[in-house]
Amino acid sequence: MRLKSLIAAAAFSLSLSGCSAIYDKIVFQIDVAQGNFVEAEQIDKLSLGMTKEQVSYVMGSPMLIDTFDSNKWYYLYYFKPGGEKSEQSQMELVFGNDKLIRVSGDPALTDKFSDQQLN
């Protein structure tokens, strides 16, 4: 009787530990997208010296505005396809005297601005 209980407990615990590997293969998981997806045509329209209003018109509202410095805007994007590896991108826009002076972040997004900065 005691042997049957031990075998049942062992089988039960092994079946639970294997669920995570099976879960990713069998159970449907939805795609999760959060934040601002920045497209190449938006980057092409963006240029240093633009006002906050112009940038907002081209890029949309930022995901985050720095609490301590309202001249720093962040465009963040997170995408997790169901059952696959997640992707992230980020872009920081810095303003001075209400003009865009610096763009930084992921190289794929900010290559156009890598050697430019207004003072």
C-alpha atoms as a PDB file:
ATOM      1  CA  MET A   1       0.000   0.000   0.000  1.00  0.00           C
ATOM      2  CA  ARG A   2       2.776   2.401   0.947  1.00  0.00           C
ATOM      3  CA  LEU A   3       4.698   1.555  -2.254  1.00  0.00           C
ATOM      4  CA  LYS A   4       1.646   2.383  -4.373  1.00  0.00           C
ATOM      5  CA  SER A   5       1.329   5.781  -2.656  1.00  0.00           C
ATOM      6  CA  LEU A   6       5.005   6.589  -3.280  1.00  0.00           C
ATOM      7  CA  ILE A   7       4.759   5.578  -6.938  1.00  0.00           C
ATOM      8  CA  ALA A   8       1.580   7.635  -7.374  1.00  0.00           C
ATOM      9  CA  ALA A   9       3.187  10.669  -5.710  1.00  0.00           C
ATOM     10  CA  ALA A  10       6.323  10.345  -7.860  1.00  0.00           C
ATOM     11  CA  ALA A  11       4.275  10.005 -11.060  1.00  0.00           C
ATOM     12  CA  PHE A  12       2.147  12.998 -10.113  1.00  0.00           C
ATOM     13  CA  SER A  13       5.162  15.226  -9.350  1.00  0.00           C
ATOM     14  CA  LEU A  14       6.910  14.195 -12.579  1.00  0.00           C
ATOM     15  CA  SER A  15       3.805  14.947 -14.597  1.00  0.00           C
ATOM     16  CA  LEU A  16       3.588  18.446 -13.099  1.00  0.00           C
ATOM     17  CA  SER A  17       7.231  19.256 -13.748  1.00  0.00           C
ATOM     18  CA  GLY A  18       6.871  18.348 -17.412  1.00  0.00           C
ATOM     19  CA  CYS A  19       3.940  20.670 -18.000  1.00  0.00           C
ATOM     20  CA  SER A  20       6.026  23.745 -18.751  1.00  0.00           C
ATOM     21  CA  ALA A  21       7.797  22.090 -21.702  1.00  0.00           C
ATOM     22  CA  ILE A  22       4.542  20.718 -23.056  1.00  0.00           C
ATOM     23  CA  TYR A  23       2.720  23.997 -22.451  1.00  0.00           C
ATOM     24  CA  ASP A  24       4.829  25.932 -24.975  1.00  0.00           C
ATOM     25  CA  LYS A  25       4.260  23.310 -27.667  1.00  0.00           C
ATOM     26  CA  ILE A  26       0.570  22.545 -27.240  1.00  0.00           C
ATOM     27  CA  VAL A  27      -1.225  25.522 -25.714  1.00  0.00           C
ATOM     28  CA  PHE A  28      -2.008  28.456 -28.022  1.00  0.00           C
ATOM     29  CA  GLN A  29      -0.463  31.714 -26.794  1.00  0.00           C
ATOM     30  CA  ILE A  30      -1.492  35.091 -28.160  1.00  0.00           C
ATOM     31  CA  ASP A  31       0.959  37.679 -29.483  1.00  0.00           C
ATOM     32  CA  VAL A  32       1.573  40.508 -27.016  1.00  0.00           C
ATOM     33  CA  ALA A  33       2.519  43.931 -28.391  1.00  0.00           C
ATOM     34  CA  GLN A  34       3.034  46.904 -26.088  1.00  0.00           C
ATOM     35  CA  GLY A  35       4.270  50.434 -26.649  1.00  0.00           C
ATOM     36  CA  ASN A  36       5.018  52.494 -29.741  1.00  0.00           C
ATOM     37  CA  PHE A  37       5.933  50.628 -32.927  1.00  0.00           C
ATOM     38  CA  VAL A  38       8.223  52.981 -34.845  1.00  0.00           C
ATOM     39  CA  GLU A  39       8.179  52.556 -38.613  1.00  0.00           C
ATOM     40  CA  ALA A  40      10.974  53.506 -41.038  1.00  0.00           C
ATOM     41  CA  GLU A  41       8.828  56.180 -42.710  1.00  0.00           C
ATOM     42  CA  GLN A  42       8.388  57.919 -39.348  1.00  0.00           C
ATOM     43  CA  ILE A  43      12.172  57.987 -38.866  1.00  0.00           C
ATOM     44  CA  ASP A  44      12.592  59.393 -42.403  1.00  0.00           C
ATOM     45  CA  LYS A  45      10.257  62.295 -41.595  1.00  0.00           C
ATOM     46  CA  LEU A  46      12.022  63.042 -38.308  1.00  0.00           C
ATOM     47  CA  SER A  47      14.824  65.645 -38.314  1.00  0.00           C
ATOM     48  CA  LEU A  48      16.785  67.590 -35.761  1.00  0.00           C
ATOM     49  CA  GLY A  49      15.426  71.070 -35.069  1.00  0.00           C
ATOM     50  CA  MET A  50      11.765  70.001 -35.151  1.00  0.00           C
ATOM     51  CA  THR A  51       9.474  71.304 -32.397  1.00  0.00           C
ATOM     52  CA  LYS A  52       7.767  69.044 -29.869  1.00  0.00           C
ATOM     53  CA  GLU A  53       4.471  69.473 -31.698  1.00  0.00           C
ATOM     54  CA  GLN A  54       6.010  68.462 -35.022  1.00  0.00           C
ATOM     55  CA  VAL A  55       7.687  65.422 -33.471  1.00  0.00           C
ATOM     56  CA  SER A  56       4.439  64.434 -31.770  1.00  0.00           C
ATOM     57  CA  TYR A  57       2.624  64.707 -35.110  1.00  0.00           C
ATOM     58  CA  VAL A  58       5.183  62.469 -36.865  1.00  0.00           C
ATOM     59  CA  MET A  59       5.890  59.935 -34.104  1.00  0.00           C
ATOM     60  CA  GLY A  60       2.702  59.985 -32.052  1.00  0.00           C
ATOM     61  CA  SER A  61       2.583  60.349 -28.294  1.00  0.00           C
ATOM     62  CA  PRO A  62       5.655  59.062 -26.476  1.00  0.00           C
ATOM     63  CA  MET A  63       5.343  55.985 -24.286  1.00  0.00           C
ATOM     64  CA  LEU A  64       7.111  57.801 -21.487  1.00  0.00           C
ATOM     65  CA  ILE A  65       8.134  61.378 -20.692  1.00  0.00           C
ATOM     66  CA  ASP A  66      10.910  61.649 -18.123  1.00  0.00           C
ATOM     67  CA  THR A  67       9.445  62.735 -14.785  1.00  0.00           C
ATOM     68  CA  PHE A  68      12.438  64.865 -13.856  1.00  0.00           C
ATOM     69  CA  ASP A  69      13.180  66.233 -17.332  1.00  0.00           C
ATOM     70  CA  SER A  70      10.179  66.795 -19.583  1.00  0.00           C
ATOM     71  CA  ASN A  71      12.565  67.371 -22.500  1.00  0.00           C
ATOM     72  CA  LYS A  72      13.279  63.619 -22.746  1.00  0.00           C
ATOM     73  CA  TRP A  73      10.754  61.488 -24.567  1.00  0.00           C
ATOM     74  CA  TYR A  74      10.961  57.694 -24.794  1.00  0.00           C
ATOM     75  CA  TYR A  75       9.433  55.508 -27.470  1.00  0.00           C
ATOM     76  CA  LEU A  76       9.508  51.910 -26.222  1.00  0.00           C
ATOM     77  CA  TYR A  77       8.229  48.805 -27.966  1.00  0.00           C
ATOM     78  CA  TYR A  78       7.893  45.225 -26.714  1.00  0.00           C
ATOM     79  CA  PHE A  79       6.627  42.342 -28.833  1.00  0.00           C
ATOM     80  CA  LYS A  80       6.235  38.748 -27.620  1.00  0.00           C
ATOM     81  CA  PRO A  81       4.987  36.348 -30.277  1.00  0.00           C
ATOM     82  CA  GLY A  82       3.108  33.445 -28.725  1.00  0.00           C
ATOM     83  CA  GLY A  83       5.559  30.766 -27.629  1.00  0.00           C
ATOM     84  CA  GLU A  84       8.607  32.521 -29.122  1.00  0.00           C
ATOM     85  CA  LYS A  85      11.366  34.891 -28.015  1.00  0.00           C
ATOM     86  CA  SER A  86      10.420  38.503 -27.319  1.00  0.00           C
ATOM     87  CA  GLU A  87      11.714  41.577 -29.188  1.00  0.00           C
ATOM     88  CA  GLN A  88      12.316  45.029 -27.715  1.00  0.00           C
ATOM     89  CA  SER A  89      13.265  48.401 -29.155  1.00  0.00           C
ATOM     90  CA  GLN A  90      13.781  51.802 -27.619  1.00  0.00           C
ATOM     91  CA  MET A  91      14.314  55.335 -28.819  1.00  0.00           C
ATOM     92  CA  GLU A  92      15.083  58.463 -26.794  1.00  0.00           C
ATOM     93  CA  LEU A  93      14.367  61.955 -28.112  1.00  0.00           C
ATOM     94  CA  VAL A  94      15.923  64.928 -26.333  1.00  0.00           C
ATOM     95  CA  PHE A  95      14.703  68.500 -26.730  1.00  0.00           C
ATOM     96  CA  GLY A  96      16.384  71.815 -25.947  1.00  0.00           C
ATOM     97  CA  ASN A  97      14.583  75.165 -26.250  1.00  0.00           C
ATOM     98  CA  ASP A  98      11.566  73.257 -27.619  1.00  0.00           C
ATOM     99  CA  LYS A  99      13.636  71.843 -30.532  1.00  0.00           C
ATOM    100  CA  LEU A 100      14.757  68.271 -31.134  1.00  0.00           C
ATOM    101  CA  ILE A 101      18.498  68.189 -30.445  1.00  0.00           C
ATOM    102  CA  ARG A 102      19.377  64.476 -30.073  1.00  0.00           C
ATOM    103  CA  VAL A 103      18.031  61.071 -31.032  1.00  0.00           C
ATOM    104  CA  SER A 104      19.467  57.921 -29.475  1.00  0.00           C
ATOM    105  CA  GLY A 105      18.494  54.325 -28.832  1.00  0.00           C
ATOM    106  CA  ASP A 106      18.599  51.123 -30.845  1.00  0.00           C
ATOM    107  CA  PRO A 107      20.978  51.459 -33.814  1.00  0.00           C
ATOM    108  CA  ALA A 108      18.374  50.108 -36.232  1.00  0.00           C
ATOM    109  CA  LEU A 109      16.142  53.067 -35.351  1.00  0.00           C
ATOM    110  CA  THR A 110      18.711  55.817 -34.839  1.00  0.00           C
ATOM    111  CA  ASP A 111      21.349  55.192 -37.556  1.00  0.00           C
ATOM    112  CA  LYS A 112      20.246  58.320 -39.388  1.00  0.00           C
ATOM    113  CA  PHE A 113      21.117  60.450 -36.337  1.00  0.00           C
ATOM    114  CA  SER A 114      24.271  58.672 -35.126  1.00  0.00           C
ATOM    115  CA  ASP A 115      26.660  61.520 -35.992  1.00  0.00           C
ATOM    116  CA  GLN A 116      24.265  64.448 -35.587  1.00  0.00           C
ATOM    117  CA  GLN A 117      23.473  66.553 -32.551  1.00  0.00           C
ATOM    118  CA  LEU A 118      22.260  70.123 -32.235  1.00  0.00           C
ATOM    119  CA  ASN A 119      23.404  72.234 -29.301  1.00  0.00           C
END
